Amino acid sequence: MSLRLEGHNVVVVGAGQMKGETLGIGRATALLFAREGANMMLVDRDRTAAEETLAMIHGEGGQATMHVADITSDAACKGIAAAARAELGGIDVLFNSVGILGPGLVTDIDEQLWNSVLDTNLKAMWLVTKHALGVMMEQRRGSIILVSSIGALRGGTSAAYGISKAGVSRLVTSIAATYAEYNIRANSIMPGLIDTPMAVDGAIEQIGLTRDELVSQRDARTPMAYKGSAWDVAYAALFFASDDSKFISGAHLPVDGAVTAAR
């Protein structure tokens, strides 16, 4: 490995994952960052899932600590920033992949689902970033990487999800424009039809297909005709986390096998 993140203090939010046959984006990114030498704090609300990721990193000889928090809480997000300052010595990179699905048309969604999706996918992104920015401004440096979605760019049957992700993309441009003078960068990654536990295993029960049937359907909708994995997103995150992208801010990078280009 090139150790592109050696000497970087990194916070990975959403470092655990739900059960499934594949790696989630947060876990794959945490593993890759550790392999690249990051000094890292893993954040997740699910202690068991975070401990599994931590054990995998330690098993490979990587460095990481763990912090359990529900990022829909302002106090919890303030605590993440304080813990990172105390345990890591600062925050050079913030990566946040937390999100939930929100199926349903605008006319079908009930208020509870709308609030849950927007609170998790957008409000929580803002709260974590808000407090991390305080640390980064003191340092006068930092890279913020938020996971959006190609769903932010087009309509679909998951209105609340797409709207929340469009908000994430706009949050990124706001941060990039406002905090550039502090040498703080902000970029988003927009995954397409990636084979992750949330996107595939989490959707199986809702749509009544087997896993193989759903994966085949998703592959058929991708011009490159094969499934993307969490590693594809993780390597995009590594680019934004490293100094390789030091003059890039306010960008939205599709990782989608040409889905958005084709449509």
C-alpha atoms as a PDB file:
ATOM      1  CA  MET A   1       0.000   0.000   0.000  1.00  0.00           C
ATOM      2  CA  SER A   2       1.083   3.581  -0.607  1.00  0.00           C
ATOM      3  CA  LEU A   3       0.052   4.739   2.888  1.00  0.00           C
ATOM      4  CA  ARG A   4      -1.659   7.791   1.421  1.00  0.00           C
ATOM      5  CA  LEU A   5      -3.363   8.505   4.753  1.00  0.00           C
ATOM      6  CA  GLU A   6      -0.353   8.064   7.018  1.00  0.00           C
ATOM      7  CA  GLY A   7      -0.388  10.847   9.607  1.00  0.00           C
ATOM      8  CA  HIS A   8      -4.055  11.681   8.883  1.00  0.00           C
ATOM      9  CA  ASN A   9      -6.621  11.713  11.713  1.00  0.00           C
ATOM     10  CA  VAL A  10      -9.788  10.243  10.224  1.00  0.00           C
ATOM     11  CA  VAL A  11     -13.352   9.852  11.488  1.00  0.00           C
ATOM     12  CA  VAL A  12     -15.489   7.291   9.657  1.00  0.00           C
ATOM     13  CA  VAL A  13     -19.181   7.642  10.482  1.00  0.00           C
ATOM     14  CA  GLY A  14     -21.313   4.627   9.664  1.00  0.00           C
ATOM     15  CA  ALA A  15     -18.384   2.244  10.084  1.00  0.00           C
ATOM     16  CA  GLY A  16     -20.610  -0.672  11.040  1.00  0.00           C
ATOM     17  CA  GLN A  17     -23.242  -2.223   8.797  1.00  0.00           C
ATOM     18  CA  MET A  18     -26.409  -4.264   8.753  1.00  0.00           C
ATOM     19  CA  LYS A  19     -26.170  -8.013   8.228  1.00  0.00           C
ATOM     20  CA  GLY A  20     -25.743  -9.150   4.654  1.00  0.00           C
ATOM     21  CA  GLU A  21     -23.647 -11.127   2.192  1.00  0.00           C
ATOM     22  CA  THR A  22     -21.423  -8.227   1.131  1.00  0.00           C
ATOM     23  CA  LEU A  23     -19.501  -5.351   2.671  1.00  0.00           C
ATOM     24  CA  GLY A  24     -21.214  -2.052   3.338  1.00  0.00           C
ATOM     25  CA  ILE A  25     -19.717   1.243   2.208  1.00  0.00           C
ATOM     26  CA  GLY A  26     -18.741   2.395   5.690  1.00  0.00           C
ATOM     27  CA  ARG A  27     -16.968  -0.835   6.606  1.00  0.00           C
ATOM     28  CA  ALA A  28     -15.120  -1.144   3.282  1.00  0.00           C
ATOM     29  CA  THR A  29     -13.972   2.477   3.537  1.00  0.00           C
ATOM     30  CA  ALA A  30     -12.784   2.027   7.115  1.00  0.00           C
ATOM     31  CA  LEU A  31     -10.795  -1.057   6.126  1.00  0.00           C
ATOM     32  CA  LEU A  32      -9.217   0.697   3.130  1.00  0.00           C
ATOM     33  CA  PHE A  33      -8.357   3.806   5.135  1.00  0.00           C
ATOM     34  CA  ALA A  34      -6.702   1.666   7.803  1.00  0.00           C
ATOM     35  CA  ARG A  35      -4.648  -0.136   5.149  1.00  0.00           C
ATOM     36  CA  GLU A  36      -3.542   3.296   3.901  1.00  0.00           C
ATOM     37  CA  GLY A  37      -2.189   4.206   7.344  1.00  0.00           C
ATOM     38  CA  ALA A  38      -4.993   6.348   8.797  1.00  0.00           C
ATOM     39  CA  ASN A  39      -5.216   7.060  12.511  1.00  0.00           C
ATOM     40  CA  MET A  40      -8.920   6.428  12.772  1.00  0.00           C
ATOM     41  CA  MET A  41     -12.031   6.624  14.952  1.00  0.00           C
ATOM     42  CA  LEU A  42     -14.988   4.468  13.927  1.00  0.00           C
ATOM     43  CA  VAL A  43     -18.463   5.827  14.675  1.00  0.00           C
ATOM     44  CA  ASP A  44     -21.721   3.897  14.566  1.00  0.00           C
ATOM     45  CA  ARG A  45     -24.879   3.649  16.649  1.00  0.00           C
ATOM     46  CA  ASP A  46     -24.678  -0.166  16.541  1.00  0.00           C
ATOM     47  CA  ARG A  47     -21.946  -1.178  18.979  1.00  0.00           C
ATOM     48  CA  THR A  48     -21.772  -4.781  17.786  1.00  0.00           C
ATOM     49  CA  ALA A  49     -21.404  -3.814  14.127  1.00  0.00           C
ATOM     50  CA  ALA A  50     -18.722  -1.249  14.955  1.00  0.00           C
ATOM     51  CA  GLU A  51     -16.848  -3.796  17.073  1.00  0.00           C
ATOM     52  CA  GLU A  52     -16.848  -6.207  14.123  1.00  0.00           C
ATOM     53  CA  THR A  53     -15.238  -3.559  11.889  1.00  0.00           C
ATOM     54  CA  LEU A  54     -12.755  -2.651  14.626  1.00  0.00           C
ATOM     55  CA  ALA A  55     -11.749  -6.305  15.024  1.00  0.00           C
ATOM     56  CA  MET A  56     -11.198  -6.620  11.276  1.00  0.00           C
ATOM     57  CA  ILE A  57      -8.934  -3.558  11.264  1.00  0.00           C
ATOM     58  CA  HIS A  58      -6.950  -4.702  14.286  1.00  0.00           C
ATOM     59  CA  GLY A  59      -6.673  -8.160  12.721  1.00  0.00           C
ATOM     60  CA  GLU A  60      -4.893  -6.574   9.765  1.00  0.00           C
ATOM     61  CA  GLY A  61      -2.595  -4.555  12.012  1.00  0.00           C
ATOM     62  CA  GLY A  62      -4.414  -1.240  11.484  1.00  0.00           C
ATOM     63  CA  GLN A  63      -5.069   1.537  13.995  1.00  0.00           C
ATOM     64  CA  ALA A  64      -8.554   2.525  15.135  1.00  0.00           C
ATOM     65  CA  THR A  65     -10.680   3.376  18.142  1.00  0.00           C
ATOM     66  CA  MET A  66     -14.465   3.220  18.392  1.00  0.00           C
ATOM     67  CA  HIS A  67     -17.190   5.653  19.427  1.00  0.00           C
ATOM     68  CA  VAL A  68     -20.875   4.726  19.712  1.00  0.00           C
ATOM     69  CA  ALA A  69     -23.282   7.543  18.819  1.00  0.00           C
ATOM     70  CA  ASP A  70     -26.671   8.255  17.269  1.00  0.00           C
ATOM     71  CA  ILE A  71     -25.859  11.075  14.869  1.00  0.00           C
ATOM     72  CA  THR A  72     -29.426  12.348  14.706  1.00  0.00           C
ATOM     73  CA  SER A  73     -28.633  13.923  18.116  1.00  0.00           C
ATOM     74  CA  ASP A  74     -26.818  17.258  18.232  1.00  0.00           C
ATOM     75  CA  ALA A  75     -25.288  16.405  21.610  1.00  0.00           C
ATOM     76  CA  ALA A  76     -24.001  13.089  20.258  1.00  0.00           C
ATOM     77  CA  CYS A  77     -22.400  14.797  17.258  1.00  0.00           C
ATOM     78  CA  LYS A  78     -20.750  17.347  19.524  1.00  0.00           C
ATOM     79  CA  GLY A  79     -19.422  14.368  21.478  1.00  0.00           C
ATOM     80  CA  ILE A  80     -17.957  12.815  18.327  1.00  0.00           C
ATOM     81  CA  ALA A  81     -15.934  15.961  17.637  1.00  0.00           C
ATOM     82  CA  ALA A  82     -14.756  16.137  21.243  1.00  0.00           C
ATOM     83  CA  ALA A  83     -13.762  12.467  21.265  1.00  0.00           C
ATOM     84  CA  ALA A  84     -11.860  12.844  17.989  1.00  0.00           C
ATOM     85  CA  ARG A  85      -9.975  15.828  19.360  1.00  0.00           C
ATOM     86  CA  ALA A  86      -9.099  13.924  22.538  1.00  0.00           C
ATOM     87  CA  GLU A  87      -8.331  10.505  21.045  1.00  0.00           C
ATOM     88  CA  LEU A  88      -6.879  11.393  17.635  1.00  0.00           C
ATOM     89  CA  GLY A  89      -5.643  14.914  18.189  1.00  0.00           C
ATOM     90  CA  GLY A  90      -7.955  16.417  15.565  1.00  0.00           C
ATOM     91  CA  ILE A  91      -9.938  15.624  12.429  1.00  0.00           C
ATOM     92  CA  ASP A  92      -8.158  15.755   9.077  1.00  0.00           C
ATOM     93  CA  VAL A  93     -10.804  13.698   7.277  1.00  0.00           C
ATOM     94  CA  LEU A  94     -14.502  13.198   7.988  1.00  0.00           C
ATOM     95  CA  PHE A  95     -16.222  10.449   5.992  1.00  0.00           C
ATOM     96  CA  ASN A  96     -19.947   9.932   6.534  1.00  0.00           C
ATOM     97  CA  SER A  97     -21.906   7.189   4.785  1.00  0.00           C
ATOM     98  CA  VAL A  98     -24.932   6.959   7.078  1.00  0.00           C
ATOM     99  CA  GLY A  99     -28.265   6.615   5.312  1.00  0.00           C
ATOM    100  CA  ILE A 100     -31.511   4.673   5.206  1.00  0.00           C
ATOM    101  CA  LEU A 101     -33.898   3.783   2.397  1.00  0.00           C
ATOM    102  CA  GLY A 102     -37.220   5.548   1.995  1.00  0.00           C
ATOM    103  CA  PRO A 103     -39.450   3.872  -0.590  1.00  0.00           C
ATOM    104  CA  GLY A 104     -42.643   5.523  -1.705  1.00  0.00           C
ATOM    105  CA  LEU A 105     -43.994   8.227  -3.997  1.00  0.00           C
ATOM    106  CA  VAL A 106     -44.562  11.757  -2.717  1.00  0.00           C
ATOM    107  CA  THR A 107     -48.275  11.010  -2.322  1.00  0.00           C
ATOM    108  CA  ASP A 108     -47.637   7.674  -0.583  1.00  0.00           C
ATOM    109  CA  ILE A 109     -45.100   8.609   2.085  1.00  0.00           C
ATOM    110  CA  ASP A 110     -46.426   9.140   5.579  1.00  0.00           C
ATOM    111  CA  GLU A 111     -45.048  11.829   7.857  1.00  0.00           C
ATOM    112  CA  GLN A 112     -43.202   9.393  10.100  1.00  0.00           C
ATOM    113  CA  LEU A 113     -41.237   7.889   7.204  1.00  0.00           C
ATOM    114  CA  TRP A 114     -40.493  11.333   5.735  1.00  0.00           C
ATOM    115  CA  ASN A 115     -39.126  12.581   9.065  1.00  0.00           C
ATOM    116  CA  SER A 116     -37.084   9.427   9.642  1.00  0.00           C
ATOM    117  CA  VAL A 117     -35.417   9.564   6.215  1.00  0.00           C
ATOM    118  CA  LEU A 118     -34.699  13.305   6.308  1.00  0.00           C
ATOM    119  CA  ASP A 119     -33.431  13.160   9.902  1.00  0.00           C
ATOM    120  CA  THR A 120     -31.052  10.273   9.169  1.00  0.00           C
ATOM    121  CA  ASN A 121     -29.895  11.106   5.661  1.00  0.00           C
ATOM    122  CA  LEU A 122     -29.687  14.896   5.802  1.00  0.00           C
ATOM    123  CA  LYS A 123     -30.038  16.371   9.295  1.00  0.00           C
ATOM    124  CA  ALA A 124     -27.529  13.901  10.728  1.00  0.00           C
ATOM    125  CA  MET A 125     -25.052  14.643   7.927  1.00  0.00           C
ATOM    126  CA  TRP A 126     -25.298  18.330   8.789  1.00  0.00           C
ATOM    127  CA  LEU A 127     -24.953  17.808  12.548  1.00  0.00           C
ATOM    128  CA  VAL A 128     -21.803  15.675  12.319  1.00  0.00           C
ATOM    129  CA  THR A 129     -20.262  18.041   9.791  1.00  0.00           C
ATOM    130  CA  LYS A 130     -21.181  21.133  11.799  1.00  0.00           C
ATOM    131  CA  HIS A 131     -19.172  20.001  14.819  1.00  0.00           C
ATOM    132  CA  ALA A 132     -16.297  18.527  12.800  1.00  0.00           C
ATOM    133  CA  LEU A 133     -15.948  21.887  11.043  1.00  0.00           C
ATOM    134  CA  GLY A 134     -15.209  23.531  14.376  1.00  0.00           C
ATOM    135  CA  VAL A 135     -12.176  21.274  14.796  1.00  0.00           C
ATOM    136  CA  MET A 136     -11.064  21.695  11.187  1.00  0.00           C
ATOM    137  CA  MET A 137     -11.326  25.490  11.337  1.00  0.00           C
ATOM    138  CA  GLU A 138      -8.973  25.523  14.322  1.00  0.00           C
ATOM    139  CA  GLN A 139      -6.516  23.365  12.358  1.00  0.00           C
ATOM    140  CA  ARG A 140      -7.099  25.341   9.148  1.00  0.00           C
ATOM    141  CA  ARG A 141      -7.339  22.157   7.128  1.00  0.00           C
ATOM    142  CA  GLY A 142      -9.668  19.233   6.506  1.00  0.00           C
ATOM    143  CA  SER A 143     -11.449  17.054   3.976  1.00  0.00           C
ATOM    144  CA  ILE A 144     -15.159  16.271   4.327  1.00  0.00           C
ATOM    145  CA  ILE A 145     -16.584  13.411   2.264  1.00  0.00           C
ATOM    146  CA  LEU A 146     -20.332  12.811   2.353  1.00  0.00           C
ATOM    147  CA  VAL A 147     -22.080   9.908   0.638  1.00  0.00           C
ATOM    148  CA  SER A 148     -24.964  11.139  -1.492  1.00  0.00           C
ATOM    149  CA  SER A 149     -26.540   9.069  -4.300  1.00  0.00           C
ATOM    150  CA  ILE A 150     -27.337   9.232  -7.995  1.00  0.00           C
ATOM    151  CA  GLY A 151     -30.904   9.323  -6.669  1.00  0.00           C
ATOM    152  CA  ALA A 152     -30.221  12.993  -5.943  1.00  0.00           C
ATOM    153  CA  LEU A 153     -30.127  13.696  -9.677  1.00  0.00           C
ATOM    154  CA  ARG A 154     -33.327  12.145 -10.966  1.00  0.00           C
ATOM    155  CA  GLY A 155     -36.863  11.216 -10.029  1.00  0.00           C
ATOM    156  CA  GLY A 156     -37.925   7.816  -8.817  1.00  0.00           C
ATOM    157  CA  THR A 157     -40.185   5.847  -6.557  1.00  0.00           C
ATOM    158  CA  SER A 158     -38.186   6.640  -3.401  1.00  0.00           C
ATOM    159  CA  ALA A 159     -39.004  10.333  -3.139  1.00  0.00           C
ATOM    160  CA  ALA A 160     -37.887  10.953   0.448  1.00  0.00           C
ATOM    161  CA  TYR A 161     -34.578   9.180  -0.169  1.00  0.00           C
ATOM    162  CA  GLY A 162     -33.813  11.123  -3.355  1.00  0.00           C
ATOM    163  CA  ILE A 163     -34.788  14.444  -1.817  1.00  0.00           C
ATOM    164  CA  SER A 164     -32.620  13.791   1.240  1.00  0.00           C
ATOM    165  CA  LYS A 165     -29.630  12.932  -0.942  1.00  0.00           C
ATOM    166  CA  ALA A 166     -30.141  16.045  -3.073  1.00  0.00           C
ATOM    167  CA  GLY A 167     -29.903  17.957   0.192  1.00  0.00           C
ATOM    168  CA  VAL A 168     -26.598  16.249   0.979  1.00  0.00           C
ATOM    169  CA  SER A 169     -25.182  17.341  -2.368  1.00  0.00           C
ATOM    170  CA  ARG A 170     -26.253  20.933  -1.694  1.00  0.00           C
ATOM    171  CA  LEU A 171     -24.765  20.761   1.814  1.00  0.00           C
ATOM    172  CA  VAL A 172     -21.431  19.863   0.228  1.00  0.00           C
ATOM    173  CA  THR A 173     -21.402  22.863  -2.110  1.00  0.00           C
ATOM    174  CA  SER A 174     -22.337  25.165   0.771  1.00  0.00           C
ATOM    175  CA  ILE A 175     -19.437  23.890   2.886  1.00  0.00           C
ATOM    176  CA  ALA A 176     -16.998  24.019  -0.027  1.00  0.00           C
ATOM    177  CA  ALA A 177     -17.812  27.641  -0.827  1.00  0.00           C
ATOM    178  CA  THR A 178     -17.954  28.886   2.755  1.00  0.00           C
ATOM    179  CA  TYR A 179     -14.938  27.205   4.339  1.00  0.00           C
ATOM    180  CA  ALA A 180     -12.414  27.179   1.487  1.00  0.00           C
ATOM    181  CA  GLU A 181     -10.516  30.018   3.183  1.00  0.00           C
ATOM    182  CA  TYR A 182      -9.725  27.588   6.006  1.00  0.00           C
ATOM    183  CA  ASN A 183      -8.300  25.066   3.522  1.00  0.00           C
ATOM    184  CA  ILE A 184     -11.277  22.817   4.189  1.00  0.00           C
ATOM    185  CA  ARG A 185     -12.561  20.788   1.248  1.00  0.00           C
ATOM    186  CA  ALA A 186     -15.964  19.129   0.884  1.00  0.00           C
ATOM    187  CA  ASN A 187     -16.988  16.626  -1.767  1.00  0.00           C
ATOM    188  CA  SER A 188     -19.701  14.049  -2.239  1.00  0.00           C
ATOM    189  CA  ILE A 189     -19.721  10.557  -3.673  1.00  0.00           C
ATOM    190  CA  MET A 190     -22.863   9.510  -5.539  1.00  0.00           C
ATOM    191  CA  PRO A 191     -23.088   5.708  -5.611  1.00  0.00           C
ATOM    192  CA  GLY A 192     -25.288   4.009  -8.157  1.00  0.00           C
ATOM    193  CA  LEU A 193     -26.592   0.444  -7.980  1.00  0.00           C
ATOM    194  CA  ILE A 194     -23.971  -0.845  -5.552  1.00  0.00           C
ATOM    195  CA  ASP A 195     -24.264  -4.328  -4.060  1.00  0.00           C
ATOM    196  CA  THR A 196     -24.377  -3.560  -0.336  1.00  0.00           C
ATOM    197  CA  PRO A 197     -26.397  -5.059   2.524  1.00  0.00           C
ATOM    198  CA  MET A 198     -28.564  -1.934   2.820  1.00  0.00           C
ATOM    199  CA  ALA A 199     -29.288  -1.565  -0.892  1.00  0.00           C
ATOM    200  CA  VAL A 200     -29.842  -5.257  -1.644  1.00  0.00           C
ATOM    201  CA  ASP A 201     -30.457  -7.347   1.483  1.00  0.00           C
ATOM    202  CA  GLY A 202     -32.448  -4.537   3.072  1.00  0.00           C
ATOM    203  CA  ALA A 203     -34.738  -4.275   0.045  1.00  0.00           C
ATOM    204  CA  ILE A 204     -35.433  -7.965  -0.571  1.00  0.00           C
ATOM    205  CA  GLU A 205     -38.330  -8.284   1.864  1.00  0.00           C
ATOM    206  CA  GLN A 206     -39.980  -5.104   0.572  1.00  0.00           C
ATOM    207  CA  ILE A 207     -40.062  -6.201  -3.070  1.00  0.00           C
ATOM    208  CA  GLY A 208     -40.493  -9.967  -2.770  1.00  0.00           C
ATOM    209  CA  LEU A 209     -37.493 -11.090  -4.844  1.00  0.00           C
ATOM    210  CA  THR A 210     -34.594 -13.386  -4.059  1.00  0.00           C
ATOM    211  CA  ARG A 211     -31.179 -11.814  -3.651  1.00  0.00           C
ATOM    212  CA  ASP A 212     -29.956 -13.216  -6.971  1.00  0.00           C
ATOM    213  CA  GLU A 213     -33.048 -11.920  -8.781  1.00  0.00           C
ATOM    214  CA  LEU A 214     -32.637  -8.417  -7.366  1.00  0.00           C
ATOM    215  CA  VAL A 215     -28.904  -8.295  -8.128  1.00  0.00           C
ATOM    216  CA  SER A 216     -29.573  -9.453 -11.705  1.00  0.00           C
ATOM    217  CA  GLN A 217     -32.171  -6.731 -12.161  1.00  0.00           C
ATOM    218  CA  ARG A 218     -29.783  -4.082 -10.855  1.00  0.00           C
ATOM    219  CA  ASP A 219     -26.952  -5.340 -13.070  1.00  0.00           C
ATOM    220  CA  ALA A 220     -29.223  -5.108 -16.121  1.00  0.00           C
ATOM    221  CA  ARG A 221     -29.878  -1.423 -15.366  1.00  0.00           C
ATOM    222  CA  THR A 222     -26.145  -0.610 -15.306  1.00  0.00           C
ATOM    223  CA  PRO A 223     -24.477   0.114 -18.683  1.00  0.00           C
ATOM    224  CA  MET A 224     -21.278  -1.616 -17.535  1.00  0.00           C
ATOM    225  CA  ALA A 225     -23.496  -4.683 -16.902  1.00  0.00           C
ATOM    226  CA  TYR A 226     -21.972  -5.795 -13.620  1.00  0.00           C
ATOM    227  CA  LYS A 227     -22.476  -4.914 -10.013  1.00  0.00           C
ATOM    228  CA  GLY A 228     -20.450  -2.252  -8.274  1.00  0.00           C
ATOM    229  CA  SER A 229     -19.194  -3.004  -4.778  1.00  0.00           C
ATOM    230  CA  ALA A 230     -18.528  -1.007  -1.643  1.00  0.00           C
ATOM    231  CA  TRP A 231     -14.824  -1.102  -2.570  1.00  0.00           C
ATOM    232  CA  ASP A 232     -15.552   1.047  -5.629  1.00  0.00           C
ATOM    233  CA  VAL A 233     -16.980   3.732  -3.357  1.00  0.00           C
ATOM    234  CA  ALA A 234     -14.164   3.293  -0.842  1.00  0.00           C
ATOM    235  CA  TYR A 235     -11.484   3.971  -3.442  1.00  0.00           C
ATOM    236  CA  ALA A 236     -13.302   7.137  -4.511  1.00  0.00           C
ATOM    237  CA  ALA A 237     -13.364   8.176  -0.852  1.00  0.00           C
ATOM    238  CA  LEU A 238      -9.629   7.495  -0.566  1.00  0.00           C
ATOM    239  CA  PHE A 239      -8.991   9.900  -3.443  1.00  0.00           C
ATOM    240  CA  PHE A 240     -10.967  12.662  -1.725  1.00  0.00           C
ATOM    241  CA  ALA A 241      -9.371  11.911   1.654  1.00  0.00           C
ATOM    242  CA  SER A 242      -5.821  12.027   0.362  1.00  0.00           C
ATOM    243  CA  ASP A 243      -3.701  14.939  -0.811  1.00  0.00           C
ATOM    244  CA  ASP A 244      -4.189  13.672  -4.380  1.00  0.00           C
ATOM    245  CA  SER A 245      -7.378  15.777  -4.449  1.00  0.00           C
ATOM    246  CA  LYS A 246      -6.012  18.809  -2.579  1.00  0.00           C
ATOM    247  CA  PHE A 247      -7.408  21.310  -5.140  1.00  0.00           C
ATOM    248  CA  ILE A 248     -10.820  19.643  -5.567  1.00  0.00           C
ATOM    249  CA  SER A 249     -13.763  20.887  -3.531  1.00  0.00           C
ATOM    250  CA  GLY A 250     -17.489  21.069  -4.159  1.00  0.00           C
ATOM    251  CA  ALA A 251     -17.432  18.075  -6.504  1.00  0.00           C
ATOM    252  CA  HIS A 252     -20.040  15.333  -6.826  1.00  0.00           C
ATOM    253  CA  LEU A 253     -18.545  12.087  -8.118  1.00  0.00           C
ATOM    254  CA  PRO A 254     -20.893   9.401  -9.539  1.00  0.00           C
ATOM    255  CA  VAL A 255     -19.692   5.858  -8.877  1.00  0.00           C
ATOM    256  CA  ASP A 256     -22.331   4.138 -10.921  1.00  0.00           C
ATOM    257  CA  GLY A 257     -20.995   2.240 -13.953  1.00  0.00           C
ATOM    258  CA  ALA A 258     -22.259   5.036 -16.282  1.00  0.00           C
ATOM    259  CA  VAL A 259     -25.905   4.966 -15.157  1.00  0.00           C
ATOM    260  CA  THR A 260     -26.210   8.752 -14.936  1.00  0.00           C
ATOM    261  CA  ALA A 261     -24.216   9.275 -18.138  1.00  0.00           C
ATOM    262  CA  ALA A 262     -26.526   6.952 -20.052  1.00  0.00           C
ATOM    263  CA  ARG A 263     -29.705   8.579 -18.761  1.00  0.00           C
END
